[in-house]
Amino acid sequence: MLIAHGGGFAGGHRRMKAVATLTATLPQAGFLVVAFDYRLLGLGHALADAVEDTVAVDRWWRERAAKWGADLARTSIVGVSAGALVVTAAVRRLGPVHKIAGVYGPYDLTAMAGRTETLKKRLLLGTARPDRVRALSPAHNLDLDVPVALFHGLDDGIVPVEHTLTLARYRRDHGLPVEVHLYDGVGHGFIRHPETAAARLLVSDLVAFLGAP
């Protein structure tokens, strides 16, 4: 399983705590985990750079998976926060993916509005044209016919839950498999605190999703 960290817009040590929760708990459930970094979206790099890094990690992993006894046919990918945007944007260019999981990801780039957000779009995507921004938003184009699970706190003030709901609606409208897990009373980054009930529940839900046939 490949996991892309969150915090890709801002950096900082806090982004790794969420991935640490997953890398500490998923192996206990029998998963082989590879957590990877990518060029940060908010530090002078575009989404395309992060996608290229994800493709490189996927290639690296598939060349070595057999050595670790991994089943490539069950390779899943998980993205946390900005990492969820990155992996859903990159997934078409990866090898066969068993399942996709996104944790409080900003999937709908069309939701960015205003002059400042127009600048961000140009830096992040190389364009602010509405049609191109929509075409680059996973919330409007994640049409791979593989199981997808989305996880989001209902009180997220950084990446509103509408990002998850829009992506889920797109997949349902196109008859594609998707499940949504929403958590009351928690905001962005809540799995940085693995001792909390919400974080434990998310990990349990994620394990159930990834482990199902």
Protein backbone atom coordinates (compact mmCIF):
# COMPACT_ATOMS: atom_id res chain seq x y z
CA MET A 1 0.00 0.00 0.00
CA LEU A 2 1.22 3.49 -0.86
CA ILE A 3 0.43 6.46 1.38
CA ALA A 4 0.94 10.11 0.43
CA HIS A 5 1.17 12.51 3.32
CA GLY A 6 -0.92 15.61 3.92
CA GLY A 7 0.23 19.17 4.47
CA GLY A 8 1.32 19.55 0.87
CA PHE A 9 0.18 23.18 0.73
CA ALA A 10 2.05 24.35 3.81
CA GLY A 11 4.66 21.86 4.95
CA GLY A 12 5.64 21.65 8.61
CA HIS A 13 6.12 18.73 10.97
CA ARG A 14 2.41 18.39 11.75
CA ARG A 15 1.68 16.82 8.37
CA MET A 16 3.69 13.73 9.28
CA LYS A 17 1.69 12.97 12.42
CA ALA A 18 -1.31 11.87 10.36
CA VAL A 19 0.80 9.49 8.31
CA ALA A 20 2.50 8.26 11.48
CA THR A 21 -0.94 7.23 12.74
CA LEU A 22 -1.46 5.11 9.63
CA THR A 23 2.05 3.67 9.40
CA ALA A 24 1.85 2.65 13.05
CA THR A 25 -1.54 0.97 12.82
CA LEU A 26 -1.98 -0.47 9.33
CA PRO A 27 0.95 -2.92 9.56
CA GLN A 28 -0.67 -4.31 12.71
CA ALA A 29 -3.63 -5.19 10.49
CA GLY A 30 -1.38 -7.05 8.05
CA PHE A 31 -0.66 -4.35 5.47
CA LEU A 32 2.75 -3.61 4.00
CA VAL A 33 2.99 0.18 3.91
CA VAL A 34 5.20 2.54 1.90
CA ALA A 35 4.76 6.18 2.95
CA PHE A 36 6.16 8.71 0.50
CA ASP A 37 6.83 12.41 0.15
CA TYR A 38 6.41 14.69 -2.86
CA ARG A 39 7.40 18.20 -3.82
CA LEU A 40 5.21 20.46 -1.73
CA LEU A 41 2.45 22.26 -3.55
CA GLY A 42 2.79 25.45 -1.54
CA LEU A 43 6.56 25.85 -1.78
CA GLY A 44 7.04 26.71 -5.43
CA HIS A 45 5.92 23.46 -7.01
CA ALA A 46 2.86 22.67 -9.09
CA LEU A 47 0.42 19.79 -8.88
CA ALA A 48 2.10 18.28 -11.94
CA ASP A 49 5.37 18.02 -9.98
CA ALA A 50 3.67 16.15 -7.15
CA VAL A 51 2.00 13.84 -9.69
CA GLU A 52 5.37 13.06 -11.27
CA ASP A 53 6.77 12.21 -7.84
CA THR A 54 3.86 9.87 -7.20
CA VAL A 55 4.41 8.12 -10.54
CA ALA A 56 8.11 7.69 -9.66
CA VAL A 57 7.27 6.18 -6.26
CA ASP A 58 4.75 3.82 -7.84
CA ARG A 59 7.38 2.63 -10.33
CA TRP A 60 9.93 2.21 -7.54
CA TRP A 61 7.45 0.20 -5.48
CA ARG A 62 6.43 -2.13 -8.28
CA GLU A 63 10.05 -2.95 -9.05
CA ARG A 64 10.61 -4.04 -5.43
CA ALA A 65 7.28 -5.39 -4.22
CA ALA A 66 8.08 -9.03 -4.97
CA LYS A 67 11.19 -8.85 -2.80
CA TRP A 68 8.99 -8.02 0.18
CA GLY A 69 6.38 -10.64 -0.64
CA ALA A 70 3.74 -8.08 -1.57
CA ASP A 71 0.77 -8.85 -3.78
CA LEU A 72 0.88 -6.23 -6.55
CA ALA A 73 -2.68 -7.10 -7.52
CA ARG A 74 -3.80 -5.70 -4.15
CA THR A 75 -1.77 -2.50 -4.20
CA SER A 76 -3.95 0.30 -2.84
CA ILE A 77 -3.16 3.99 -2.49
CA VAL A 78 -4.11 6.34 0.33
CA GLY A 79 -3.82 10.13 0.34
CA VAL A 80 -4.12 12.42 3.35
CA SER A 81 -5.17 16.06 2.96
CA ALA A 82 -3.25 17.54 -0.01
CA GLY A 83 -1.88 14.03 -0.51
CA ALA A 84 -5.43 12.92 -1.33
CA LEU A 85 -5.55 15.50 -4.13
CA VAL A 86 -2.18 14.32 -5.38
CA VAL A 87 -2.98 10.61 -5.49
CA THR A 88 -6.41 11.07 -7.07
CA ALA A 89 -4.86 13.34 -9.70
CA ALA A 90 -2.08 10.82 -10.37
CA VAL A 91 -3.92 7.53 -10.22
CA ARG A 92 -4.54 7.17 -13.97
CA ARG A 93 -0.79 7.11 -14.53
CA LEU A 94 -0.06 4.45 -11.93
CA GLY A 95 0.08 0.70 -12.30
CA PRO A 96 -3.07 -1.30 -11.52
CA VAL A 97 -4.59 0.03 -8.29
CA HIS A 98 -6.76 -2.22 -6.12
CA LYS A 99 -8.44 0.52 -4.07
CA ILE A 100 -8.20 4.27 -3.49
CA ALA A 101 -8.73 6.00 -0.16
CA GLY A 102 -8.79 9.76 0.41
CA VAL A 103 -8.71 11.41 3.83
CA TYR A 104 -10.11 14.97 4.01
CA GLY A 105 -8.78 15.84 0.54
CA PRO A 106 -9.31 19.08 -1.47
CA TYR A 107 -10.63 17.35 -4.59
CA ASP A 108 -12.64 20.21 -6.10
CA LEU A 109 -10.29 22.90 -7.39
CA THR A 110 -13.24 24.76 -8.89
CA ALA A 111 -14.28 25.64 -5.33
CA MET A 112 -11.32 28.02 -5.06
CA ALA A 113 -12.65 31.53 -5.73
CA GLY A 114 -11.49 35.14 -5.65
CA ARG A 115 -8.38 36.99 -6.85
CA THR A 116 -6.02 35.23 -4.43
CA GLU A 117 -7.40 31.85 -5.40
CA THR A 118 -6.99 32.71 -9.10
CA LEU A 119 -3.30 33.25 -8.43
CA LYS A 120 -3.13 29.94 -6.56
CA LYS A 121 -4.74 28.16 -9.48
CA ARG A 122 -2.18 29.59 -11.88
CA LEU A 123 0.68 28.52 -9.63
CA LEU A 124 -0.80 25.13 -8.80
CA LEU A 125 -2.26 24.18 -12.17
CA GLY A 126 -0.65 26.53 -14.67
CA THR A 127 -4.07 27.87 -15.60
CA ALA A 128 -7.11 29.63 -14.15
CA ARG A 129 -9.43 28.82 -17.07
CA PRO A 130 -12.61 27.40 -15.55
CA ASP A 131 -12.84 24.54 -18.05
CA ARG A 132 -9.23 23.47 -17.45
CA VAL A 133 -9.52 23.79 -13.67
CA ARG A 134 -12.60 21.59 -13.76
CA ALA A 135 -10.85 19.05 -15.97
CA LEU A 136 -7.95 18.91 -13.49
CA SER A 137 -10.20 18.47 -10.44
CA PRO A 138 -10.56 14.86 -9.26
CA ALA A 139 -14.01 15.76 -7.94
CA HIS A 140 -15.13 16.06 -11.57
CA ASN A 141 -13.12 13.36 -13.31
CA LEU A 142 -12.17 10.44 -11.02
CA ASP A 143 -13.85 7.87 -13.23
CA LEU A 144 -11.68 4.78 -12.67
CA ASP A 145 -13.86 1.77 -11.95
CA VAL A 146 -12.11 0.77 -8.73
CA PRO A 147 -13.45 1.00 -5.16
CA VAL A 148 -12.99 4.44 -3.59
CA ALA A 149 -13.49 5.37 0.06
CA LEU A 150 -13.56 8.96 1.29
CA PHE A 151 -13.10 10.07 4.90
CA HIS A 152 -13.85 13.56 6.25
CA GLY A 153 -14.58 15.43 9.47
CA LEU A 154 -17.83 17.36 9.42
CA ASP A 155 -16.29 20.38 11.17
CA ASP A 156 -13.35 20.77 8.77
CA GLY A 157 -12.68 24.49 8.40
CA ILE A 158 -9.65 24.08 6.12
CA VAL A 159 -10.96 21.65 3.51
CA PRO A 160 -14.76 21.74 3.72
CA VAL A 161 -16.58 18.42 3.63
CA GLU A 162 -18.21 19.52 0.36
CA HIS A 163 -15.03 18.43 -1.43
CA THR A 164 -15.68 14.84 -0.40
CA LEU A 165 -19.41 15.09 -1.08
CA THR A 166 -18.86 16.50 -4.58
CA LEU A 167 -16.48 13.70 -5.51
CA ALA A 168 -18.82 11.09 -4.06
CA ARG A 169 -21.75 12.55 -6.00
CA TYR A 170 -19.75 12.48 -9.25
CA ARG A 171 -18.93 8.81 -8.79
CA ARG A 172 -22.48 7.85 -7.84
CA ASP A 173 -23.86 9.76 -10.82
CA HIS A 174 -21.54 7.70 -13.04
CA GLY A 175 -22.36 4.37 -11.41
CA LEU A 176 -18.90 4.00 -9.87
CA PRO A 177 -18.18 2.44 -6.47
CA VAL A 178 -17.69 4.90 -3.62
CA GLU A 179 -18.24 4.90 0.11
CA VAL A 180 -18.18 7.94 2.38
CA HIS A 181 -17.27 8.05 6.06
CA LEU A 182 -18.08 11.29 7.92
CA TYR A 183 -17.06 12.04 11.49
CA ASP A 184 -18.94 14.36 13.85
CA GLY A 185 -17.24 17.07 15.86
CA VAL A 186 -13.80 16.93 14.28
CA GLY A 187 -11.94 19.22 11.93
CA HIS A 188 -9.01 18.97 9.58
CA GLY A 189 -6.08 16.80 10.58
CA PHE A 190 -7.89 14.93 13.33
CA ILE A 191 -6.02 11.67 12.72
CA ARG A 192 -2.88 13.42 13.97
CA HIS A 193 -4.27 12.45 17.37
CA PRO A 194 -4.53 8.64 17.29
CA GLU A 195 -5.70 8.49 20.90
CA THR A 196 -9.04 10.12 20.04
CA ALA A 197 -12.20 8.18 19.34
CA ALA A 198 -12.64 9.75 15.89
CA ALA A 199 -9.12 8.82 14.78
CA ARG A 200 -9.53 5.27 16.05
CA LEU A 201 -12.82 4.99 14.19
CA LEU A 202 -11.29 6.28 10.95
CA VAL A 203 -8.45 3.76 11.16
CA SER A 204 -10.96 0.99 11.80
CA ASP A 205 -13.07 2.09 8.84
CA LEU A 206 -10.00 2.33 6.62
CA VAL A 207 -8.77 -1.14 7.60
CA ALA A 208 -12.22 -2.59 6.89
CA PHE A 209 -12.30 -0.93 3.45
CA LEU A 210 -8.78 -1.93 2.42
CA GLY A 211 -9.08 -5.46 3.77
CA ALA A 212 -12.39 -6.31 2.13
CA PRO A 213 -12.23 -8.58 -0.96
